[in-house]
Amino acid sequence: MARINIEQPEQHAFSTELEIYLTHINHAGHVDNALLLTLVSEARQRFFRSMGYSQTDVEGVGIVVADAAVQYLSEAFHGETLVVEMSALDFNKYGCDLVWRVRERESGRDVARGKTGIVFFDYAARRIAPVPPAFRSQADQSQRD
């Protein structure tokens, strides 16, 4: 069976830390695969906030998640702190990929890699919208810094 492999940039534009709570743990004693995406969703909100936006207001439009891919690499446990790094890459007319990596802070152990495809969305008109130029410019600049 072919496995997915999600390429990562040498350095990500954004990083945040998230503690693993008991509610993130499944019956096997480690972070539930679906709840890892919840943690990444929190990191995505922080990523947008770091740029002066929210997921519902990026220069007057919001975002919607179009697709997601995850490569699970190791278990993560209650009480550990995860470092989630994220960058906006591979832009097209209406969106981009948010490429991310999750590591355990103390050991540096890779927990997961992934990408979330987003499209910009005009919620008032209920249709997709072009990538706001200011967002792309800021994302491109932060990747170069």
N, C-alpha and C. Protein backbone atom coordinates (compact mmCIF):
# COMPACT_ATOMS: atom_id res chain seq x y z
N MET A 1 0.83 -1.17 0.00
CA MET A 1 0.00 0.00 0.00
C MET A 1 0.88 1.25 0.00
N ALA A 2 0.59 2.18 -0.89
CA ALA A 2 1.34 3.43 -0.95
C ALA A 2 0.99 4.30 0.24
N ARG A 3 1.99 4.92 0.82
CA ARG A 3 1.80 5.83 1.95
C ARG A 3 1.97 7.26 1.47
N ILE A 4 1.22 8.17 2.07
CA ILE A 4 1.42 9.57 1.70
C ILE A 4 2.66 10.10 2.40
N ASN A 5 3.28 11.06 1.76
CA ASN A 5 4.45 11.73 2.32
C ASN A 5 4.26 13.22 2.08
N ILE A 6 4.16 13.98 3.11
CA ILE A 6 3.89 15.41 2.99
C ILE A 6 5.19 16.17 3.17
N GLU A 7 5.63 16.79 2.08
CA GLU A 7 6.88 17.54 2.09
C GLU A 7 6.73 18.78 2.98
N GLN A 8 7.79 19.08 3.69
CA GLN A 8 7.82 20.22 4.60
C GLN A 8 8.86 21.23 4.13
N PRO A 9 8.59 22.52 4.34
CA PRO A 9 9.64 23.51 4.05
C PRO A 9 10.77 23.36 5.06
N GLU A 10 11.91 23.94 4.73
CA GLU A 10 13.04 23.88 5.67
C GLU A 10 12.69 24.54 6.99
N GLN A 11 11.94 25.64 6.92
CA GLN A 11 11.52 26.36 8.12
C GLN A 11 10.10 26.85 7.91
N HIS A 12 9.28 26.73 8.94
CA HIS A 12 7.90 27.21 8.87
C HIS A 12 7.81 28.67 9.30
N ALA A 13 6.78 29.34 8.80
CA ALA A 13 6.57 30.76 9.07
C ALA A 13 6.00 31.01 10.46
N PHE A 14 5.32 30.02 11.05
CA PHE A 14 4.59 30.21 12.30
C PHE A 14 4.77 28.99 13.18
N SER A 15 4.76 29.23 14.50
CA SER A 15 4.87 28.14 15.47
C SER A 15 4.05 28.50 16.70
N THR A 16 3.38 27.49 17.27
CA THR A 16 2.64 27.68 18.51
C THR A 16 2.72 26.39 19.32
N GLU A 17 2.48 26.49 20.61
CA GLU A 17 2.51 25.33 21.50
C GLU A 17 1.11 25.03 22.01
N LEU A 18 0.78 23.75 22.06
CA LEU A 18 -0.51 23.29 22.56
C LEU A 18 -0.31 22.13 23.52
N GLU A 19 -0.93 22.23 24.69
CA GLU A 19 -0.85 21.14 25.67
C GLU A 19 -1.89 20.07 25.33
N ILE A 20 -1.52 18.82 25.53
CA ILE A 20 -2.45 17.72 25.31
C ILE A 20 -3.24 17.49 26.60
N TYR A 21 -4.55 17.63 26.49
CA TYR A 21 -5.45 17.43 27.62
C TYR A 21 -6.01 16.02 27.60
N LEU A 22 -6.54 15.62 28.71
CA LEU A 22 -7.16 14.30 28.83
C LEU A 22 -8.24 14.08 27.78
N THR A 23 -8.95 15.14 27.41
CA THR A 23 -10.03 15.01 26.41
C THR A 23 -9.50 14.72 25.01
N HIS A 24 -8.20 14.86 24.78
CA HIS A 24 -7.60 14.54 23.48
C HIS A 24 -7.21 13.07 23.37
N ILE A 25 -7.28 12.34 24.48
CA ILE A 25 -6.77 10.97 24.56
C ILE A 25 -7.88 9.97 24.26
N ASN A 26 -7.55 8.93 23.49
CA ASN A 26 -8.52 7.88 23.17
C ASN A 26 -8.33 6.66 24.09
N HIS A 27 -9.09 5.61 23.84
CA HIS A 27 -9.04 4.41 24.68
C HIS A 27 -7.70 3.70 24.65
N ALA A 28 -6.87 3.97 23.64
CA ALA A 28 -5.55 3.35 23.55
C ALA A 28 -4.50 4.13 24.35
N GLY A 29 -4.89 5.28 24.92
CA GLY A 29 -3.99 6.02 25.79
C GLY A 29 -3.13 7.07 25.09
N HIS A 30 -3.40 7.33 23.82
CA HIS A 30 -2.66 8.38 23.12
C HIS A 30 -3.63 9.32 22.41
N VAL A 31 -3.10 10.41 21.82
CA VAL A 31 -3.95 11.38 21.15
C VAL A 31 -4.74 10.68 20.05
N ASP A 32 -6.05 10.90 20.07
CA ASP A 32 -6.94 10.34 19.05
C ASP A 32 -6.62 10.97 17.70
N ASN A 33 -6.65 10.16 16.64
CA ASN A 33 -6.29 10.66 15.32
C ASN A 33 -7.18 11.83 14.89
N ALA A 34 -8.47 11.76 15.15
CA ALA A 34 -9.37 12.85 14.76
C ALA A 34 -9.14 14.09 15.61
N LEU A 35 -8.81 13.90 16.88
CA LEU A 35 -8.59 15.05 17.76
C LEU A 35 -7.27 15.75 17.49
N LEU A 36 -6.34 15.05 16.84
CA LEU A 36 -5.13 15.73 16.40
C LEU A 36 -5.52 16.85 15.43
N LEU A 37 -6.50 16.59 14.57
CA LEU A 37 -6.96 17.63 13.64
C LEU A 37 -7.62 18.79 14.38
N THR A 38 -8.23 18.52 15.52
CA THR A 38 -8.78 19.59 16.35
C THR A 38 -7.65 20.48 16.87
N LEU A 39 -6.56 19.87 17.29
CA LEU A 39 -5.41 20.64 17.75
C LEU A 39 -4.82 21.47 16.60
N VAL A 40 -4.74 20.88 15.42
CA VAL A 40 -4.24 21.61 14.26
C VAL A 40 -5.19 22.76 13.90
N SER A 41 -6.48 22.55 14.09
CA SER A 41 -7.46 23.61 13.84
C SER A 41 -7.22 24.79 14.79
N GLU A 42 -6.93 24.52 16.04
CA GLU A 42 -6.59 25.59 16.99
C GLU A 42 -5.33 26.31 16.53
N ALA A 43 -4.33 25.56 16.08
CA ALA A 43 -3.10 26.19 15.59
C ALA A 43 -3.39 27.04 14.35
N ARG A 44 -4.30 26.59 13.49
CA ARG A 44 -4.67 27.36 12.29
C ARG A 44 -5.29 28.69 12.70
N GLN A 45 -6.17 28.68 13.69
CA GLN A 45 -6.77 29.92 14.18
C GLN A 45 -5.69 30.86 14.71
N ARG A 46 -4.72 30.33 15.44
CA ARG A 46 -3.63 31.15 15.96
C ARG A 46 -2.75 31.69 14.82
N PHE A 47 -2.54 30.88 13.79
CA PHE A 47 -1.78 31.30 12.62
C PHE A 47 -2.43 32.53 11.99
N PHE A 48 -3.73 32.45 11.75
CA PHE A 48 -4.44 33.59 11.17
C PHE A 48 -4.39 34.81 12.10
N ARG A 49 -4.58 34.58 13.39
CA ARG A 49 -4.53 35.67 14.36
C ARG A 49 -3.15 36.35 14.36
N SER A 50 -2.09 35.55 14.19
CA SER A 50 -0.73 36.12 14.17
C SER A 50 -0.53 37.06 12.99
N MET A 51 -1.35 36.91 11.96
CA MET A 51 -1.27 37.76 10.78
C MET A 51 -2.28 38.91 10.84
N GLY A 52 -3.03 38.99 11.94
CA GLY A 52 -4.02 40.05 12.09
C GLY A 52 -5.39 39.71 11.52
N TYR A 53 -5.65 38.44 11.29
CA TYR A 53 -6.91 37.99 10.70
C TYR A 53 -7.61 37.00 11.62
N SER A 54 -8.82 36.61 11.22
CA SER A 54 -9.50 35.45 11.78
C SER A 54 -9.87 34.57 10.60
N GLN A 55 -10.31 33.37 10.86
CA GLN A 55 -10.67 32.48 9.76
C GLN A 55 -11.95 32.93 9.04
N THR A 56 -12.69 33.84 9.66
CA THR A 56 -13.90 34.36 9.02
C THR A 56 -13.71 35.77 8.48
N ASP A 57 -12.53 36.35 8.67
CA ASP A 57 -12.28 37.70 8.13
C ASP A 57 -10.82 37.86 7.75
N VAL A 58 -10.55 37.57 6.49
CA VAL A 58 -9.24 37.80 5.90
C VAL A 58 -9.47 38.81 4.78
N GLU A 59 -9.26 40.06 5.10
CA GLU A 59 -9.52 41.13 4.13
C GLU A 59 -10.96 41.08 3.61
N GLY A 60 -11.91 40.77 4.50
CA GLY A 60 -13.32 40.79 4.14
C GLY A 60 -13.91 39.47 3.67
N VAL A 61 -13.09 38.44 3.53
CA VAL A 61 -13.59 37.11 3.18
C VAL A 61 -13.11 36.12 4.23
N GLY A 62 -13.71 34.95 4.26
CA GLY A 62 -13.30 33.92 5.20
C GLY A 62 -12.61 32.78 4.47
N ILE A 63 -12.42 31.69 5.18
CA ILE A 63 -11.85 30.49 4.57
C ILE A 63 -12.77 29.31 4.84
N VAL A 64 -12.66 28.31 4.00
CA VAL A 64 -13.25 27.01 4.25
C VAL A 64 -12.17 25.97 3.97
N VAL A 65 -12.21 24.88 4.70
CA VAL A 65 -11.28 23.78 4.48
C VAL A 65 -11.79 22.96 3.31
N ALA A 66 -10.95 22.78 2.31
CA ALA A 66 -11.33 22.02 1.11
C ALA A 66 -10.88 20.57 1.20
N ASP A 67 -9.74 20.32 1.82
CA ASP A 67 -9.25 18.95 1.98
C ASP A 67 -8.19 18.92 3.06
N ALA A 68 -7.87 17.74 3.49
CA ALA A 68 -6.83 17.58 4.51
C ALA A 68 -6.14 16.24 4.30
N ALA A 69 -4.84 16.23 4.55
CA ALA A 69 -4.05 15.00 4.50
C ALA A 69 -3.17 14.97 5.73
N VAL A 70 -3.08 13.79 6.34
CA VAL A 70 -2.31 13.64 7.57
C VAL A 70 -1.39 12.43 7.46
N GLN A 71 -0.19 12.60 7.92
CA GLN A 71 0.78 11.53 8.03
C GLN A 71 1.12 11.39 9.51
N TYR A 72 0.58 10.36 10.17
CA TYR A 72 0.83 10.14 11.59
C TYR A 72 2.17 9.45 11.74
N LEU A 73 2.99 9.95 12.67
CA LEU A 73 4.35 9.44 12.80
C LEU A 73 4.65 8.79 14.14
N SER A 74 4.05 9.30 15.22
CA SER A 74 4.27 8.69 16.54
C SER A 74 3.13 9.07 17.46
N GLU A 75 3.06 8.35 18.57
CA GLU A 75 2.04 8.63 19.56
C GLU A 75 2.38 9.92 20.32
N ALA A 76 1.33 10.55 20.84
CA ALA A 76 1.50 11.69 21.73
C ALA A 76 0.59 11.43 22.93
N PHE A 77 0.99 11.90 24.12
CA PHE A 77 0.34 11.51 25.35
C PHE A 77 -0.11 12.69 26.20
N HIS A 78 -1.06 12.40 27.08
CA HIS A 78 -1.58 13.40 28.01
C HIS A 78 -0.44 14.08 28.75
N GLY A 79 -0.53 15.41 28.84
CA GLY A 79 0.47 16.18 29.57
C GLY A 79 1.63 16.65 28.72
N GLU A 80 1.83 16.06 27.55
CA GLU A 80 2.90 16.53 26.67
C GLU A 80 2.48 17.86 26.04
N THR A 81 3.46 18.60 25.61
CA THR A 81 3.21 19.85 24.88
C THR A 81 3.65 19.66 23.45
N LEU A 82 2.74 19.98 22.54
CA LEU A 82 3.04 19.86 21.12
C LEU A 82 3.41 21.21 20.56
N VAL A 83 4.37 21.20 19.66
CA VAL A 83 4.74 22.39 18.90
C VAL A 83 4.17 22.18 17.50
N VAL A 84 3.28 23.08 17.10
CA VAL A 84 2.69 23.00 15.77
C VAL A 84 3.26 24.15 14.95
N GLU A 85 3.91 23.78 13.83
CA GLU A 85 4.48 24.76 12.92
C GLU A 85 3.63 24.77 11.65
N MET A 86 3.47 25.96 11.04
CA MET A 86 2.56 26.07 9.90
C MET A 86 3.05 27.14 8.92
N SER A 87 2.81 26.87 7.63
CA SER A 87 3.11 27.83 6.57
C SER A 87 2.03 27.74 5.51
N ALA A 88 1.75 28.87 4.87
CA ALA A 88 0.84 28.93 3.72
C ALA A 88 1.68 28.83 2.45
N LEU A 89 1.44 27.78 1.66
CA LEU A 89 2.24 27.50 0.47
C LEU A 89 1.33 27.08 -0.69
N ASP A 90 1.92 26.96 -1.86
CA ASP A 90 1.24 26.43 -3.05
C ASP A 90 -0.07 27.16 -3.34
N PHE A 91 0.03 28.45 -3.50
CA PHE A 91 -1.15 29.28 -3.78
C PHE A 91 -1.70 29.01 -5.18
N ASN A 92 -3.00 29.11 -5.30
CA ASN A 92 -3.67 29.15 -6.59
C ASN A 92 -4.61 30.36 -6.56
N LYS A 93 -5.48 30.50 -7.54
CA LYS A 93 -6.34 31.68 -7.63
C LYS A 93 -7.24 31.85 -6.40
N TYR A 94 -7.74 30.73 -5.86
CA TYR A 94 -8.74 30.80 -4.80
C TYR A 94 -8.28 30.31 -3.44
N GLY A 95 -7.08 29.80 -3.33
CA GLY A 95 -6.67 29.27 -2.04
C GLY A 95 -5.20 28.88 -2.00
N CYS A 96 -4.89 28.03 -1.02
CA CYS A 96 -3.53 27.58 -0.82
C CYS A 96 -3.55 26.34 0.08
N ASP A 97 -2.39 25.79 0.31
CA ASP A 97 -2.22 24.72 1.29
C ASP A 97 -1.60 25.30 2.55
N LEU A 98 -2.15 24.94 3.69
CA LEU A 98 -1.50 25.20 4.96
C LEU A 98 -0.76 23.93 5.32
N VAL A 99 0.54 23.97 5.19
CA VAL A 99 1.39 22.81 5.46
C VAL A 99 1.83 22.91 6.91
N TRP A 100 1.74 21.79 7.64
CA TRP A 100 2.04 21.84 9.06
C TRP A 100 2.81 20.60 9.53
N ARG A 101 3.48 20.81 10.65
CA ARG A 101 4.24 19.73 11.31
C ARG A 101 3.95 19.82 12.80
N VAL A 102 3.80 18.67 13.45
CA VAL A 102 3.57 18.61 14.89
C VAL A 102 4.71 17.82 15.52
N ARG A 103 5.36 18.42 16.52
CA ARG A 103 6.44 17.77 17.26
C ARG A 103 6.13 17.84 18.75
N GLU A 104 6.66 16.90 19.50
CA GLU A 104 6.58 16.96 20.96
C GLU A 104 7.73 17.87 21.41
N ARG A 105 7.41 18.84 22.26
CA ARG A 105 8.37 19.89 22.61
C ARG A 105 9.65 19.38 23.27
N GLU A 106 9.52 18.57 24.31
CA GLU A 106 10.70 18.18 25.10
C GLU A 106 11.66 17.27 24.34
N SER A 107 11.13 16.28 23.66
CA SER A 107 11.98 15.31 22.96
C SER A 107 12.28 15.71 21.52
N GLY A 108 11.45 16.57 20.94
CA GLY A 108 11.60 16.91 19.53
C GLY A 108 11.03 15.84 18.60
N ARG A 109 10.39 14.83 19.18
CA ARG A 109 9.83 13.71 18.41
C ARG A 109 8.76 14.21 17.43
N ASP A 110 8.87 13.80 16.17
CA ASP A 110 7.83 14.11 15.19
C ASP A 110 6.59 13.30 15.50
N VAL A 111 5.45 13.97 15.60
CA VAL A 111 4.18 13.32 15.89
C VAL A 111 3.35 13.17 14.61
N ALA A 112 3.30 14.23 13.80
CA ALA A 112 2.51 14.16 12.57
C ALA A 112 2.94 15.27 11.63
N ARG A 113 2.62 15.06 10.36
CA ARG A 113 2.79 16.07 9.32
C ARG A 113 1.50 16.11 8.54
N GLY A 114 1.21 17.26 7.97
CA GLY A 114 -0.01 17.32 7.18
C GLY A 114 -0.11 18.56 6.36
N LYS A 115 -1.20 18.61 5.64
CA LYS A 115 -1.53 19.81 4.89
C LYS A 115 -3.04 19.93 4.85
N THR A 116 -3.49 21.15 4.94
CA THR A 116 -4.90 21.46 4.88
C THR A 116 -5.10 22.41 3.72
N GLY A 117 -5.87 22.00 2.72
CA GLY A 117 -6.18 22.87 1.61
C GLY A 117 -7.31 23.80 2.00
N ILE A 118 -7.09 25.10 1.80
CA ILE A 118 -8.15 26.07 2.10
C ILE A 118 -8.51 26.84 0.84
N VAL A 119 -9.76 27.27 0.78
CA VAL A 119 -10.20 28.21 -0.24
C VAL A 119 -10.81 29.40 0.48
N PHE A 120 -10.67 30.54 -0.13
CA PHE A 120 -11.28 31.74 0.43
C PHE A 120 -12.73 31.79 0.01
N PHE A 121 -13.56 32.30 0.91
CA PHE A 121 -15.00 32.20 0.71
C PHE A 121 -15.68 33.49 1.13
N ASP A 122 -16.51 34.02 0.23
CA ASP A 122 -17.31 35.20 0.51
C ASP A 122 -18.61 34.70 1.14
N TYR A 123 -18.69 34.82 2.45
CA TYR A 123 -19.86 34.28 3.15
C TYR A 123 -21.15 35.05 2.83
N ALA A 124 -21.05 36.33 2.52
CA ALA A 124 -22.24 37.11 2.16
C ALA A 124 -22.81 36.65 0.83
N ALA A 125 -21.93 36.37 -0.13
CA ALA A 125 -22.38 35.94 -1.47
C ALA A 125 -22.50 34.42 -1.58
N ARG A 126 -22.00 33.70 -0.56
CA ARG A 126 -22.02 32.22 -0.54
C ARG A 126 -21.29 31.62 -1.75
N ARG A 127 -20.07 32.14 -2.02
CA ARG A 127 -19.27 31.60 -3.13
C ARG A 127 -17.78 31.79 -2.84
N ILE A 128 -16.97 31.01 -3.53
CA ILE A 128 -15.53 31.14 -3.33
C ILE A 128 -15.07 32.50 -3.82
N ALA A 129 -13.94 32.93 -3.29
CA ALA A 129 -13.39 34.25 -3.60
C ALA A 129 -11.90 34.12 -3.87
N PRO A 130 -11.35 35.04 -4.64
CA PRO A 130 -9.90 35.01 -4.89
C PRO A 130 -9.11 35.21 -3.59
N VAL A 131 -7.89 34.71 -3.59
CA VAL A 131 -6.98 34.93 -2.46
C VAL A 131 -6.78 36.43 -2.29
N PRO A 132 -6.99 36.96 -1.10
CA PRO A 132 -6.72 38.37 -0.89
C PRO A 132 -5.23 38.67 -1.08
N PRO A 133 -4.90 39.62 -1.95
CA PRO A 133 -3.48 39.91 -2.22
C PRO A 133 -2.67 40.24 -0.97
N ALA A 134 -3.26 40.95 -0.02
CA ALA A 134 -2.52 41.29 1.20
C ALA A 134 -2.17 40.04 2.01
N PHE A 135 -3.07 39.05 2.04
CA PHE A 135 -2.78 37.80 2.75
C PHE A 135 -1.63 37.07 2.06
N ARG A 136 -1.70 36.95 0.75
CA ARG A 136 -0.64 36.25 0.02
C ARG A 136 0.70 36.95 0.21
N SER A 137 0.70 38.25 0.12
CA SER A 137 1.93 39.01 0.29
C SER A 137 2.53 38.78 1.68
N GLN A 138 1.69 38.82 2.70
CA GLN A 138 2.16 38.60 4.07
C GLN A 138 2.66 37.17 4.26
N ALA A 139 1.96 36.19 3.69
CA ALA A 139 2.38 34.79 3.80
C ALA A 139 3.70 34.57 3.07
N ASP A 140 3.84 35.13 1.87
CA ASP A 140 5.08 35.00 1.12
C ASP A 140 6.24 35.64 1.87
N GLN A 141 6.02 36.82 2.44
CA GLN A 141 7.06 37.53 3.17
C GLN A 141 7.48 36.76 4.41
N SER A 142 6.52 36.21 5.15
CA SER A 142 6.86 35.48 6.38
C SER A 142 7.63 34.20 6.05
N GLN A 143 7.43 33.64 4.88
CA GLN A 143 8.16 32.43 4.48
C GLN A 143 9.61 32.78 4.14
N ARG A 144 9.85 34.00 3.68
CA ARG A 144 11.21 34.43 3.33
C ARG A 144 12.00 34.87 4.55
N ASP A 145 11.32 35.33 5.59
CA ASP A 145 12.00 35.85 6.78
C ASP A 145 12.70 34.75 7.56
